[in-house]
């Protein structure tokens, strides 16, 4: 896989370099609530600009329906990128139309432009190869070279991720190179004990990674909404907690497989429950009850792991050599249900281990709860991409960057 340094060595001054970034940041109106992904790709963009390239940055944001939608505009991300770069960043109000052609043609060496949300064009995400290819053809006309650095999107077979690098000389950006290097440490040369912490809402989102990690991990700790399907599989009442009944048979299979392989598969011992979901805007006190995980009332919902579980999970992480964490332990956005996620994050910091926070809500939680990002081994920018890599899948965006 060619790197950005290879491109720069060959010469990028005066050339238009299309950078597929991941600027898919959370917004509150037009305010960015977490700029982690912009900060992650900024060094690649700055390096190209410093080498004299005319840098064209493109990304998706959210899930618009293949047409312009102001609620999903990348304009706030472009402004933030300019602040981080310390220079004006031009913004094209479309993807391949008059504005994009005009803005990109007027770039001087070392200048940067951002295109509007790629998903405003239906061709970006189309399952039809011809439609997707036609959009990639239009994007290719804007640039001379391609750099893939949107790790959060490499598991998608989208025009700007998969088809465009086939049409231009291409290389991997520094962020993708770093992400792949970290994931190789989780799959090829693992320092043990290898502990995996999985949370989040749905067990179905993690089935593939659990299946693969049962062959590699020494311990798997489960939290978040997905824990309740496993608790139900063990015959426990879970009340009105998140539950995927159709996944109970698979959960039983995984529990049996873990026992067979000697993998510790650890479920919560106690949970915080309530009859009402907390108000995440006002953060009004929630007054949860603490119950054993096998004694959840029928009219209540589990919303975080309890103190015994926090202590248990910290102990299971204390001697780890490698830790991969994906998914919060509860509704971390509310202070009454943030302590489980906070305890796991602190346990990662306390462990003498190579620690990887697997993107998505876990990365957001680390920042929201005030932890120093640099204290972790690595915080991924792509939760879904990380999981699919760990499942052993071929990621289209990485395959397209191979020479």
Protein backbone atom coordinates (compact mmCIF):
# COMPACT_ATOMS: atom_id res chain seq x y z
CA UNK A 1 0.00 0.00 0.00
CA UNK A 2 1.55 3.29 -1.11
CA UNK A 3 1.78 5.97 1.57
CA UNK A 4 1.31 9.71 1.52
CA UNK A 5 5.07 10.07 1.99
CA UNK A 6 5.60 8.13 -1.24
CA UNK A 7 3.31 10.58 -3.05
CA UNK A 8 5.13 13.58 -1.60
CA UNK A 9 8.50 12.10 -2.55
CA UNK A 10 7.27 11.75 -6.13
CA UNK A 11 6.11 15.39 -6.01
CA UNK A 12 2.69 16.87 -5.24
CA UNK A 13 3.44 20.57 -5.64
CA UNK A 14 0.90 22.15 -7.96
CA UNK A 15 -1.15 18.96 -8.16
CA UNK A 16 -4.77 18.61 -7.07
CA UNK A 17 -4.93 15.97 -4.34
CA UNK A 18 -8.34 14.57 -3.42
CA UNK A 19 -8.38 13.56 0.26
CA UNK A 20 -11.25 11.30 1.27
CA UNK A 21 -11.51 12.24 4.94
CA UNK A 22 -14.02 11.37 7.65
CA UNK A 23 -15.52 14.65 8.84
CA UNK A 24 -18.68 12.92 10.05
CA UNK A 25 -18.86 14.88 13.29
CA UNK A 26 -21.85 15.20 15.65
CA UNK A 27 -23.70 18.50 15.34
CA UNK A 28 -26.06 20.41 17.60
CA UNK A 29 -27.58 22.65 14.97
CA UNK A 30 -24.47 24.10 13.35
CA UNK A 31 -22.27 23.61 16.43
CA UNK A 32 -19.80 20.70 16.41
CA UNK A 33 -20.03 18.83 19.71
CA UNK A 34 -16.97 16.59 19.13
CA UNK A 35 -14.27 17.53 16.60
CA UNK A 36 -12.13 14.43 17.16
CA UNK A 37 -12.40 13.18 13.59
CA UNK A 38 -11.42 16.54 12.13
CA UNK A 39 -8.39 16.73 14.40
CA UNK A 40 -7.43 13.18 13.42
CA UNK A 41 -7.19 13.93 9.68
CA UNK A 42 -5.78 17.46 10.01
CA UNK A 43 -2.10 16.32 10.02
CA UNK A 44 -2.49 14.57 6.65
CA UNK A 45 -4.10 17.64 5.11
CA UNK A 46 -1.47 19.94 6.62
CA UNK A 47 1.36 17.73 5.33
CA UNK A 48 0.02 17.81 1.76
CA UNK A 49 -0.56 21.57 1.88
CA UNK A 50 2.96 22.13 3.20
CA UNK A 51 4.28 20.10 0.25
CA UNK A 52 2.52 22.49 -2.15
CA UNK A 53 -0.48 20.38 -3.07
CA UNK A 54 -3.87 21.86 -3.90
CA UNK A 55 -5.86 19.87 -1.35
CA UNK A 56 -9.49 18.94 -2.02
CA UNK A 57 -11.12 17.42 1.07
CA UNK A 58 -14.31 15.38 0.79
CA UNK A 59 -16.44 13.50 3.28
CA UNK A 60 -19.93 12.40 4.20
CA UNK A 61 -21.90 13.58 7.21
CA UNK A 62 -24.93 11.78 8.57
CA UNK A 63 -27.43 10.00 6.37
CA UNK A 64 -29.09 12.43 3.93
CA UNK A 65 -31.26 10.79 1.30
CA UNK A 66 -29.04 11.38 -1.73
CA UNK A 67 -30.07 15.02 -2.05
CA UNK A 68 -28.99 18.32 -0.45
CA UNK A 69 -30.18 18.80 3.13
CA UNK A 70 -28.92 21.85 5.10
CA UNK A 71 -29.06 19.87 8.35
CA UNK A 72 -26.17 17.73 7.05
CA UNK A 73 -23.98 20.42 5.51
CA UNK A 74 -20.23 20.11 5.94
CA UNK A 75 -19.85 23.89 6.25
CA UNK A 76 -19.30 23.74 10.06
CA UNK A 77 -16.63 21.07 9.57
CA UNK A 78 -14.90 23.18 6.91
CA UNK A 79 -14.80 26.15 9.28
CA UNK A 80 -13.35 24.02 12.08
CA UNK A 81 -10.74 22.53 9.75
CA UNK A 82 -9.66 26.05 8.79
CA UNK A 83 -9.24 26.92 12.47
CA UNK A 84 -7.10 23.85 13.07
CA UNK A 85 -4.98 24.48 9.97
CA UNK A 86 -4.61 28.17 10.73
CA UNK A 87 -5.62 29.15 7.20
CA UNK A 88 -8.72 29.95 5.19
CA UNK A 89 -10.42 26.87 3.79
CA UNK A 90 -12.59 27.32 0.73
CA UNK A 91 -15.99 25.61 0.69
CA UNK A 92 -17.83 24.29 -2.34
CA UNK A 93 -21.60 24.29 -1.94
CA UNK A 94 -22.00 21.16 -4.07
CA UNK A 95 -20.05 17.97 -4.76
CA UNK A 96 -19.29 17.90 -8.49
CA UNK A 97 -21.29 20.87 -9.78
CA UNK A 98 -20.43 24.44 -10.73
CA UNK A 99 -19.31 25.42 -7.23
CA UNK A 100 -17.01 22.40 -6.85
CA UNK A 101 -15.43 22.98 -10.27
CA UNK A 102 -14.96 26.69 -9.62
CA UNK A 103 -13.55 26.36 -6.10
CA UNK A 104 -11.12 23.56 -6.95
CA UNK A 105 -9.89 25.23 -10.15
CA UNK A 106 -9.01 28.42 -8.26
CA UNK A 107 -6.90 26.76 -5.56
CA UNK A 108 -3.31 27.93 -5.31
CA UNK A 109 -0.47 25.66 -4.22
CA UNK A 110 -0.83 24.87 -0.50
CA UNK A 111 -4.47 25.90 -0.32
CA UNK A 112 -7.30 23.68 0.93
CA UNK A 113 -10.95 23.34 -0.08
CA UNK A 114 -13.78 21.21 1.29
CA UNK A 115 -16.57 19.86 -0.92
CA UNK A 116 -20.15 19.69 0.29
CA UNK A 117 -21.45 16.41 1.76
CA UNK A 118 -20.78 13.59 -0.71
CA UNK A 119 -24.03 11.88 0.26
CA UNK A 120 -25.96 14.79 -1.23
CA UNK A 121 -25.34 12.88 -4.46
CA UNK A 122 -27.17 9.53 -4.73
CA UNK A 123 -24.25 8.06 -6.66
CA UNK A 124 -22.02 8.09 -3.56
CA UNK A 125 -23.86 5.28 -1.78
CA UNK A 126 -25.60 3.60 -4.73
CA UNK A 127 -25.56 -0.18 -4.88
CA UNK A 128 -25.60 0.12 -8.68
CA UNK A 129 -22.01 -0.10 -9.92
CA UNK A 130 -22.72 2.08 -12.97
CA UNK A 131 -24.35 4.89 -10.99
CA UNK A 132 -21.61 4.80 -8.38
CA UNK A 133 -18.95 4.72 -11.10
CA UNK A 134 -20.46 7.68 -12.91
CA UNK A 135 -20.21 9.77 -9.73
CA UNK A 136 -16.63 8.61 -9.21
CA UNK A 137 -15.85 9.71 -12.79
CA UNK A 138 -17.11 13.20 -11.98
CA UNK A 139 -15.09 13.36 -8.77
CA UNK A 140 -11.97 12.16 -10.62
CA UNK A 141 -12.19 15.15 -12.96
CA UNK A 142 -11.54 17.44 -9.98
CA UNK A 143 -8.18 15.91 -9.02
CA UNK A 144 -4.86 14.45 -10.12
CA UNK A 145 -4.13 12.22 -7.11
CA UNK A 146 -6.14 10.44 -4.43
CA UNK A 147 -5.39 9.99 -0.73
CA UNK A 148 -7.65 7.74 1.34
CA UNK A 149 -7.69 8.88 4.96
CA UNK A 150 -11.31 8.43 6.03
CA UNK A 151 -10.88 5.30 8.13
CA UNK A 152 -14.42 5.55 9.49
CA UNK A 153 -15.74 4.88 5.96
CA UNK A 154 -13.35 2.20 4.61
CA UNK A 155 -15.85 -0.57 5.32
CA UNK A 156 -18.29 1.04 2.85
CA UNK A 157 -18.30 0.28 -0.87
CA UNK A 158 -19.02 3.89 -1.77
CA UNK A 159 -17.94 5.90 -4.80
CA UNK A 160 -15.42 8.13 -3.03
CA UNK A 161 -14.04 5.24 -0.98
CA UNK A 162 -13.92 2.32 -3.40
CA UNK A 163 -14.42 3.49 -7.02
CA UNK A 164 -12.50 6.77 -7.06
CA UNK A 165 -9.07 5.35 -6.10
CA UNK A 166 -9.37 3.02 -9.10
CA UNK A 167 -9.45 6.10 -11.31
CA UNK A 168 -6.50 8.05 -9.86
CA UNK A 169 -2.99 7.34 -8.61
CA UNK A 170 -3.61 6.68 -4.93
CA UNK A 171 -2.08 6.30 -1.49
CA UNK A 172 -3.08 5.84 2.12
CA UNK A 173 -3.02 8.84 4.42
CA UNK A 174 -1.26 8.87 7.77
CA UNK A 175 -4.46 8.26 9.73
CA UNK A 176 -5.35 5.10 7.82
CA UNK A 177 -1.75 3.85 8.10
CA UNK A 178 -1.89 4.37 11.87
CA UNK A 179 -5.30 2.71 12.24
CA UNK A 180 -4.26 -0.36 10.25
CA UNK A 181 -1.03 -0.66 12.21
CA UNK A 182 -2.96 -0.61 15.49
CA UNK A 183 -5.46 -3.20 14.29
CA UNK A 184 -2.64 -5.51 13.26
CA UNK A 185 -1.43 -5.35 16.86
CA UNK A 186 -4.86 -6.63 17.90
CA UNK A 187 -4.84 -9.51 15.44
CA UNK A 188 -1.29 -10.60 14.63
CA UNK A 189 1.08 -9.99 17.54
CA UNK A 190 -1.01 -9.68 20.69
CA UNK A 191 0.48 -9.15 24.13
CA UNK A 192 -1.52 -11.22 26.63
CA UNK A 193 -3.77 -11.37 28.51
CA UNK A 194 -5.94 -9.97 25.70
CA UNK A 195 -9.11 -8.45 27.15
CA UNK A 196 -12.02 -7.22 25.02
CA UNK A 197 -14.70 -4.94 26.43
CA UNK A 198 -17.88 -4.71 24.37
CA UNK A 199 -20.87 -2.48 25.03
CA UNK A 200 -23.38 -0.46 23.08
CA UNK A 201 -27.03 -1.02 22.34
CA UNK A 202 -27.40 -4.11 20.17
CA UNK A 203 -25.77 -7.51 20.44
CA UNK A 204 -26.49 -8.00 16.71
CA UNK A 205 -23.99 -5.23 15.91
CA UNK A 206 -21.22 -7.20 17.58
CA UNK A 207 -21.98 -10.80 16.56
CA UNK A 208 -19.24 -11.06 13.96
CA UNK A 209 -16.56 -9.58 16.17
CA UNK A 210 -17.54 -11.78 19.14
CA UNK A 211 -17.40 -14.83 16.90
CA UNK A 212 -13.88 -13.97 15.72
CA UNK A 213 -12.54 -12.74 19.07
CA UNK A 214 -13.61 -15.92 20.83
CA UNK A 215 -10.71 -17.46 18.92
CA UNK A 216 -8.24 -14.76 20.00
CA UNK A 217 -9.19 -13.11 23.31
CA UNK A 218 -8.55 -14.35 26.84
CA UNK A 219 -11.46 -12.43 28.38
CA UNK A 220 -14.56 -10.74 27.01
CA UNK A 221 -16.43 -8.29 29.25
CA UNK A 222 -19.95 -7.33 28.22
CA UNK A 223 -21.87 -4.16 29.14
CA UNK A 224 -24.34 -1.68 27.69
CA UNK A 225 -27.68 -2.57 26.19
CA UNK A 226 -26.31 -5.72 24.57
CA UNK A 227 -25.68 -7.25 28.02
CA UNK A 228 -29.40 -7.77 28.61
CA UNK A 229 -29.79 -10.19 25.71
CA UNK A 230 -26.99 -12.29 27.20
CA UNK A 231 -28.61 -12.08 30.65
CA UNK A 232 -31.92 -13.17 29.11
CA UNK A 233 -30.09 -16.06 27.43
CA UNK A 234 -29.04 -17.20 30.91
CA UNK A 235 -32.69 -17.22 31.95
CA UNK A 236 -32.76 -13.92 33.86
CA UNK A 237 -35.61 -11.40 33.89
CA UNK A 238 -34.48 -8.19 32.14
CA UNK A 239 -37.65 -6.11 32.51
CA UNK A 240 -38.06 -3.48 29.82
CA UNK A 241 -34.31 -3.35 29.09
CA UNK A 242 -33.00 -3.45 25.53
CA UNK A 243 -33.54 -7.01 24.34
CA UNK A 244 -33.10 -8.78 21.03
CA UNK A 245 -35.02 -12.00 21.57
CA UNK A 246 -34.07 -13.36 18.16
CA UNK A 247 -30.40 -13.23 19.17
CA UNK A 248 -30.79 -15.33 22.33
CA UNK A 249 -29.91 -18.62 20.57
CA UNK A 250 -26.70 -17.07 19.19
CA UNK A 251 -25.82 -15.71 22.63
CA UNK A 252 -26.22 -19.19 24.08
CA UNK A 253 -23.90 -20.55 21.40
CA UNK A 254 -21.26 -17.93 22.23
CA UNK A 255 -21.48 -18.62 25.96
CA UNK A 256 -20.99 -22.32 25.28
CA UNK A 257 -18.13 -21.67 22.85
CA UNK A 258 -16.39 -19.41 25.36
CA UNK A 259 -16.59 -22.15 28.01
CA UNK A 260 -15.28 -24.72 25.55
CA UNK A 261 -12.32 -22.53 24.58
CA UNK A 262 -11.53 -21.40 28.13
CA UNK A 263 -12.33 -17.76 27.36
CA UNK A 264 -13.68 -15.82 30.34
CA UNK A 265 -17.02 -14.37 29.26
CA UNK A 266 -18.05 -11.89 31.94
CA UNK A 267 -21.52 -10.38 32.33
CA UNK A 268 -22.68 -7.65 34.76
CA UNK A 269 -23.23 -8.67 38.38
CA UNK A 270 -25.39 -5.64 39.19
CA UNK A 271 -27.08 -2.86 37.22
CA UNK A 272 -28.73 0.51 37.68
CA UNK A 273 -32.37 0.43 36.64
CA UNK A 274 -35.26 2.84 36.23
CA UNK A 275 -38.80 2.85 34.92
CA UNK A 276 -38.00 6.01 32.94
CA UNK A 277 -35.29 6.76 30.42
CA UNK A 278 -33.26 9.81 31.57
CA UNK A 279 -33.62 13.27 30.03
CA UNK A 280 -30.35 13.72 28.16
CA UNK A 281 -30.94 17.41 27.43
CA UNK A 282 -31.69 18.77 30.89
CA UNK A 283 -29.62 16.09 32.70
CA UNK A 284 -32.31 16.15 35.42
CA UNK A 285 -31.56 13.74 38.31
CA UNK A 286 -32.71 10.23 37.41
CA UNK A 287 -32.78 8.49 40.86
CA UNK A 288 -32.01 4.96 39.60
CA UNK A 289 -32.33 1.81 41.68
CA UNK A 290 -29.45 -0.64 42.13
CA UNK A 291 -30.31 -4.33 41.69
CA UNK A 292 -28.51 -7.58 41.06
CA UNK A 293 -28.35 -8.45 37.38
CA UNK A 294 -30.52 -11.53 37.97
CA UNK A 295 -33.16 -9.49 39.83
CA UNK A 296 -34.21 -6.75 37.40
CA UNK A 297 -37.87 -5.77 38.07
CA UNK A 298 -40.25 -6.50 35.22
CA UNK A 299 -41.22 -2.83 34.89
CA UNK A 300 -37.69 -1.37 34.86
CA UNK A 301 -34.87 -0.91 32.38
CA UNK A 302 -31.16 -1.47 32.90
CA UNK A 303 -29.23 1.71 32.08
CA UNK A 304 -25.72 1.19 33.47
CA UNK A 305 -23.55 -1.37 35.19
CA UNK A 306 -23.47 -1.17 38.99
CA UNK A 307 -20.59 -0.71 41.47
CA UNK A 308 -19.88 -4.44 41.90
CA UNK A 309 -19.56 -4.81 38.14
CA UNK A 310 -17.33 -1.76 37.87
CA UNK A 311 -15.03 -3.26 40.48
CA UNK A 312 -15.15 -6.68 38.79
CA UNK A 313 -14.35 -5.28 35.34
CA UNK A 314 -11.51 -3.14 36.71
CA UNK A 315 -10.02 -6.28 38.26
CA UNK A 316 -10.35 -8.19 34.97
CA UNK A 317 -8.52 -5.38 33.19
CA UNK A 318 -5.76 -4.84 35.77
CA UNK A 319 -3.32 -7.46 34.46
CA UNK A 320 -4.14 -7.07 30.77
CA UNK A 321 -1.41 -6.86 28.16
CA UNK A 322 -3.76 -5.71 25.40
CA UNK A 323 -7.25 -4.20 25.65
CA UNK A 324 -9.78 -3.44 22.91
CA UNK A 325 -12.84 -1.49 24.06
CA UNK A 326 -15.84 -0.78 21.85
CA UNK A 327 -19.13 0.48 23.25
CA UNK A 328 -20.17 2.29 26.44
CA UNK A 329 -21.38 0.47 29.54
CA UNK A 330 -24.54 2.55 29.88
CA UNK A 331 -26.24 5.83 29.01
CA UNK A 332 -23.00 7.75 29.57
CA UNK A 333 -24.51 11.03 28.32
CA UNK A 334 -26.37 11.33 31.64
CA UNK A 335 -24.28 11.76 34.82
CA UNK A 336 -26.35 9.24 36.80
CA UNK A 337 -25.52 6.52 34.25
CA UNK A 338 -21.96 7.50 33.29
CA UNK A 339 -20.05 5.79 36.09
CA UNK A 340 -19.83 2.38 34.42
CA UNK A 341 -18.27 3.80 31.27
CA UNK A 342 -16.06 6.06 33.37
CA UNK A 343 -14.85 3.08 35.42
CA UNK A 344 -13.87 1.12 32.31
CA UNK A 345 -12.01 4.10 30.85
CA UNK A 346 -10.13 4.60 34.13
CA UNK A 347 -9.30 0.89 34.31
CA UNK A 348 -7.75 1.11 30.85
CA UNK A 349 -5.59 4.00 32.00
CA UNK A 350 -4.56 2.14 35.16
CA UNK A 351 -3.61 -1.05 33.31
CA UNK A 352 -0.08 -1.53 32.02
CA UNK A 353 -1.45 -2.51 28.65
CA UNK A 354 -1.68 -1.48 25.01
CA UNK A 355 -5.16 0.06 25.02
CA UNK A 356 -7.35 0.69 21.99
CA UNK A 357 -10.63 2.58 22.20
CA UNK A 358 -12.63 1.39 19.22
CA UNK A 359 -14.24 4.56 17.94
CA UNK A 360 -17.87 5.63 17.87
CA UNK A 361 -19.59 6.19 21.20
CA UNK A 362 -16.59 4.93 23.17
CA UNK A 363 -14.36 7.65 21.74
CA UNK A 364 -17.08 10.25 22.32
CA UNK A 365 -17.47 9.05 25.92
CA UNK A 366 -13.73 9.38 26.60
CA UNK A 367 -13.85 13.01 25.52
CA UNK A 368 -17.20 13.83 27.15
CA UNK A 369 -16.11 12.37 30.48
CA UNK A 370 -12.94 14.45 30.52
CA UNK A 371 -10.23 11.85 29.98
CA UNK A 372 -6.93 12.71 28.32
CA UNK A 373 -7.09 11.12 24.87
CA UNK A 374 -3.30 10.89 24.69
CA UNK A 375 -3.23 8.66 27.78
CA UNK A 376 -4.73 5.78 25.77
CA UNK A 377 -2.70 3.71 23.34
CA UNK A 378 -4.99 4.62 20.46
CA UNK A 379 -8.46 6.05 19.97
CA UNK A 380 -9.90 4.89 16.66
CA UNK A 381 -11.91 7.16 14.38
CA UNK A 382 -13.96 4.29 12.98
CA UNK A 383 -16.00 2.04 15.22
CA UNK A 384 -17.72 0.08 12.45
CA UNK A 385 -14.55 -0.21 10.39
CA UNK A 386 -12.57 -1.41 13.40
CA UNK A 387 -15.16 -4.06 14.19
CA UNK A 388 -15.30 -5.36 10.62
CA UNK A 389 -11.50 -5.54 10.48
CA UNK A 390 -11.49 -7.54 13.70
CA UNK A 391 -14.16 -9.81 12.23
CA UNK A 392 -11.64 -10.67 9.52
CA UNK A 393 -13.61 -9.00 6.72
CA UNK A 394 -12.04 -7.39 3.65
CA UNK A 395 -12.68 -3.65 3.84
CA UNK A 396 -13.42 -2.16 0.38
CA UNK A 397 -11.69 1.14 1.11
CA UNK A 398 -8.47 -0.58 2.17
CA UNK A 399 -8.56 -3.05 -0.72
CA UNK A 400 -8.89 -0.12 -3.15
CA UNK A 401 -5.70 1.46 -1.79
CA UNK A 402 -3.59 -1.65 -2.43
CA UNK A 403 -1.21 -1.29 -5.37
